[in-house]
Amino acid sequence: MREKKLREIEHMAATIRELAQPGMSPKQLIDAVRGRHPDATKKEVARAAFMSVIHSAEHDPKYTLELHDLAMETRDS
């Protein structure tokens, strides 16, 4: 079960990396991610955003900051 959940989070992280655009609000990105992953909770999207941050940190610092903002905004929702 745990491995399945991790794979789902990894898949959502890939979706986030694909859909995230400069200037996109966290709500817009969450809605877009939920369009592809309709059963995803905000908590799962936040986890996926943090995973995206970790994976992208060494490649694009600006993108990483935007993903970090999304993850922080959604984690307490």
N, C-alpha and C. Protein backbone atom coordinates (compact mmCIF):
# COMPACT_ATOMS: atom_id res chain seq x y z
N MET A 1 0.82 -1.20 0.00
CA MET A 1 0.00 0.00 0.00
C MET A 1 0.86 1.26 0.00
N ARG A 2 1.90 1.23 0.81
CA ARG A 2 2.77 2.40 0.94
C ARG A 2 3.49 2.70 -0.37
N GLU A 3 3.94 1.66 -1.06
CA GLU A 3 4.62 1.84 -2.34
C GLU A 3 3.67 2.39 -3.40
N LYS A 4 2.43 1.93 -3.36
CA LYS A 4 1.43 2.42 -4.31
C LYS A 4 1.20 3.92 -4.10
N LYS A 5 1.08 4.34 -2.84
CA LYS A 5 0.86 5.75 -2.53
C LYS A 5 2.05 6.59 -2.99
N LEU A 6 3.28 6.06 -2.77
CA LEU A 6 4.47 6.77 -3.20
C LEU A 6 4.49 6.93 -4.72
N ARG A 7 4.11 5.90 -5.44
CA ARG A 7 4.06 5.99 -6.91
C ARG A 7 3.04 7.03 -7.36
N GLU A 8 1.90 7.09 -6.67
CA GLU A 8 0.88 8.09 -6.99
C GLU A 8 1.42 9.50 -6.75
N ILE A 9 2.12 9.70 -5.64
CA ILE A 9 2.70 11.01 -5.33
C ILE A 9 3.76 11.36 -6.37
N GLU A 10 4.58 10.40 -6.75
CA GLU A 10 5.60 10.65 -7.79
C GLU A 10 4.94 11.02 -9.11
N HIS A 11 3.85 10.36 -9.44
CA HIS A 11 3.13 10.67 -10.68
C HIS A 11 2.55 12.09 -10.62
N MET A 12 2.01 12.46 -9.46
CA MET A 12 1.50 13.82 -9.28
C MET A 12 2.63 14.84 -9.36
N ALA A 13 3.79 14.51 -8.82
CA ALA A 13 4.95 15.41 -8.89
C ALA A 13 5.33 15.66 -10.35
N ALA A 14 5.30 14.63 -11.15
CA ALA A 14 5.59 14.79 -12.58
C ALA A 14 4.53 15.67 -13.24
N THR A 15 3.29 15.50 -12.85
CA THR A 15 2.21 16.33 -13.38
C THR A 15 2.43 17.79 -13.00
N ILE A 16 2.81 18.03 -11.75
CA ILE A 16 3.07 19.39 -11.28
C ILE A 16 4.19 20.02 -12.10
N ARG A 17 5.27 19.28 -12.31
CA ARG A 17 6.38 19.82 -13.10
C ARG A 17 5.94 20.15 -14.52
N GLU A 18 5.04 19.36 -15.06
CA GLU A 18 4.54 19.58 -16.42
C GLU A 18 3.59 20.78 -16.50
N LEU A 19 2.73 20.93 -15.51
CA LEU A 19 1.68 21.95 -15.57
C LEU A 19 2.07 23.31 -15.00
N ALA A 20 3.02 23.35 -14.09
CA ALA A 20 3.38 24.60 -13.43
C ALA A 20 3.90 25.63 -14.43
N GLN A 21 3.35 26.83 -14.34
CA GLN A 21 3.73 27.94 -15.21
C GLN A 21 4.07 29.15 -14.36
N PRO A 22 5.00 29.98 -14.79
CA PRO A 22 5.27 31.22 -14.05
C PRO A 22 3.99 32.05 -13.92
N GLY A 23 3.79 32.58 -12.73
CA GLY A 23 2.62 33.43 -12.50
C GLY A 23 1.35 32.68 -12.17
N MET A 24 1.39 31.36 -12.23
CA MET A 24 0.21 30.56 -11.93
C MET A 24 0.00 30.55 -10.42
N SER A 25 -1.22 30.77 -10.00
CA SER A 25 -1.49 30.76 -8.56
C SER A 25 -1.52 29.31 -8.07
N PRO A 26 -1.27 29.12 -6.79
CA PRO A 26 -1.35 27.76 -6.25
C PRO A 26 -2.73 27.12 -6.49
N LYS A 27 -3.78 27.91 -6.34
CA LYS A 27 -5.13 27.37 -6.57
C LYS A 27 -5.28 26.89 -8.00
N GLN A 28 -4.78 27.65 -8.95
CA GLN A 28 -4.87 27.24 -10.35
C GLN A 28 -4.12 25.93 -10.59
N LEU A 29 -2.94 25.83 -10.00
CA LEU A 29 -2.15 24.62 -10.17
C LEU A 29 -2.82 23.42 -9.49
N ILE A 30 -3.34 23.63 -8.30
CA ILE A 30 -4.05 22.55 -7.61
C ILE A 30 -5.23 22.08 -8.44
N ASP A 31 -6.00 23.01 -8.98
CA ASP A 31 -7.15 22.66 -9.81
C ASP A 31 -6.70 21.88 -11.06
N ALA A 32 -5.59 22.30 -11.66
CA ALA A 32 -5.08 21.62 -12.85
C ALA A 32 -4.61 20.21 -12.50
N VAL A 33 -3.93 20.07 -11.37
CA VAL A 33 -3.46 18.75 -10.94
C VAL A 33 -4.65 17.85 -10.63
N ARG A 34 -5.64 18.39 -9.96
CA ARG A 34 -6.83 17.60 -9.65
C ARG A 34 -7.62 17.24 -10.90
N GLY A 35 -7.46 18.01 -11.97
CA GLY A 35 -8.08 17.65 -13.24
C GLY A 35 -7.54 16.32 -13.76
N ARG A 36 -6.27 16.08 -13.50
CA ARG A 36 -5.64 14.82 -13.93
C ARG A 36 -5.66 13.75 -12.85
N HIS A 37 -5.78 14.19 -11.61
CA HIS A 37 -5.79 13.27 -10.46
C HIS A 37 -6.99 13.64 -9.59
N PRO A 38 -8.20 13.31 -10.04
CA PRO A 38 -9.41 13.79 -9.36
C PRO A 38 -9.57 13.35 -7.91
N ASP A 39 -8.94 12.25 -7.53
CA ASP A 39 -9.08 11.77 -6.15
C ASP A 39 -8.00 12.31 -5.23
N ALA A 40 -7.11 13.15 -5.74
CA ALA A 40 -6.00 13.68 -4.94
C ALA A 40 -6.52 14.66 -3.90
N THR A 41 -5.98 14.54 -2.70
CA THR A 41 -6.30 15.50 -1.64
C THR A 41 -5.30 16.66 -1.73
N LYS A 42 -5.62 17.75 -1.06
CA LYS A 42 -4.68 18.87 -1.01
C LYS A 42 -3.37 18.43 -0.37
N LYS A 43 -3.46 17.59 0.64
CA LYS A 43 -2.27 17.10 1.32
C LYS A 43 -1.38 16.31 0.37
N GLU A 44 -1.98 15.49 -0.47
CA GLU A 44 -1.20 14.72 -1.45
C GLU A 44 -0.58 15.63 -2.50
N VAL A 45 -1.32 16.64 -2.92
CA VAL A 45 -0.77 17.61 -3.88
C VAL A 45 0.40 18.35 -3.24
N ALA A 46 0.27 18.72 -1.98
CA ALA A 46 1.36 19.40 -1.27
C ALA A 46 2.59 18.50 -1.19
N ARG A 47 2.38 17.24 -0.86
CA ARG A 47 3.51 16.29 -0.82
C ARG A 47 4.18 16.17 -2.18
N ALA A 48 3.36 16.10 -3.21
CA ALA A 48 3.90 16.01 -4.56
C ALA A 48 4.66 17.28 -4.93
N ALA A 49 4.16 18.43 -4.47
CA ALA A 49 4.87 19.69 -4.75
C ALA A 49 6.22 19.70 -4.04
N PHE A 50 6.27 19.24 -2.80
CA PHE A 50 7.55 19.16 -2.10
C PHE A 50 8.50 18.20 -2.81
N MET A 51 7.98 17.08 -3.30
CA MET A 51 8.81 16.14 -4.05
C MET A 51 9.36 16.82 -5.31
N SER A 52 8.52 17.60 -5.98
CA SER A 52 8.97 18.33 -7.17
C SER A 52 10.07 19.32 -6.82
N VAL A 53 9.92 19.98 -5.68
CA VAL A 53 10.94 20.93 -5.21
C VAL A 53 12.27 20.21 -5.03
N ILE A 54 12.22 19.09 -4.36
CA ILE A 54 13.44 18.33 -4.10
C ILE A 54 14.09 17.89 -5.40
N HIS A 55 13.30 17.39 -6.33
CA HIS A 55 13.86 16.90 -7.59
C HIS A 55 14.36 18.02 -8.50
N SER A 56 13.78 19.19 -8.39
CA SER A 56 14.16 20.27 -9.30
C SER A 56 15.17 21.25 -8.71
N ALA A 57 15.49 21.11 -7.44
CA ALA A 57 16.33 22.08 -6.74
C ALA A 57 17.66 22.34 -7.44
N GLU A 58 18.26 21.33 -7.98
CA GLU A 58 19.57 21.52 -8.61
C GLU A 58 19.48 21.99 -10.06
N HIS A 59 18.27 22.00 -10.63
CA HIS A 59 18.14 22.34 -12.05
C HIS A 59 17.68 23.77 -12.31
N ASP A 60 16.74 24.27 -11.53
CA ASP A 60 16.17 25.59 -11.81
C ASP A 60 15.70 26.24 -10.50
N PRO A 61 16.56 27.05 -9.88
CA PRO A 61 16.21 27.66 -8.58
C PRO A 61 14.91 28.47 -8.60
N LYS A 62 14.63 29.23 -9.67
CA LYS A 62 13.41 30.03 -9.71
C LYS A 62 12.18 29.12 -9.69
N TYR A 63 12.21 28.09 -10.48
CA TYR A 63 11.11 27.13 -10.53
C TYR A 63 10.93 26.47 -9.16
N THR A 64 12.04 26.17 -8.52
CA THR A 64 12.01 25.55 -7.21
C THR A 64 11.31 26.45 -6.20
N LEU A 65 11.58 27.74 -6.23
CA LEU A 65 10.93 28.68 -5.31
C LEU A 65 9.42 28.72 -5.54
N GLU A 66 8.99 28.70 -6.79
CA GLU A 66 7.56 28.72 -7.09
C GLU A 66 6.88 27.45 -6.57
N LEU A 67 7.53 26.30 -6.76
CA LEU A 67 6.96 25.06 -6.25
C LEU A 67 6.95 25.04 -4.72
N HIS A 68 7.98 25.61 -4.12
CA HIS A 68 8.03 25.68 -2.67
C HIS A 68 6.87 26.52 -2.14
N ASP A 69 6.60 27.65 -2.78
CA ASP A 69 5.48 28.49 -2.37
C ASP A 69 4.17 27.72 -2.43
N LEU A 70 3.98 26.95 -3.50
CA LEU A 70 2.77 26.15 -3.64
C LEU A 70 2.68 25.13 -2.50
N ALA A 71 3.75 24.43 -2.26
CA ALA A 71 3.75 23.41 -1.21
C ALA A 71 3.46 24.01 0.15
N MET A 72 4.07 25.15 0.45
CA MET A 72 3.85 25.80 1.75
C MET A 72 2.41 26.30 1.89
N GLU A 73 1.87 26.83 0.82
CA GLU A 73 0.50 27.37 0.88
C GLU A 73 -0.53 26.27 1.06
N THR A 74 -0.28 25.10 0.48
CA THR A 74 -1.28 24.04 0.55
C THR A 74 -1.12 23.11 1.75
N ARG A 75 0.01 23.11 2.39
CA ARG A 75 0.26 22.10 3.44
C ARG A 75 -0.66 22.25 4.64
N ASP A 76 -1.08 23.45 4.97
CA ASP A 76 -1.92 23.65 6.15
C ASP A 76 -3.41 23.74 5.81
N SER A 77 -3.73 23.54 4.56
CA SER A 77 -5.14 23.63 4.14
C SER A 77 -5.90 22.36 4.48
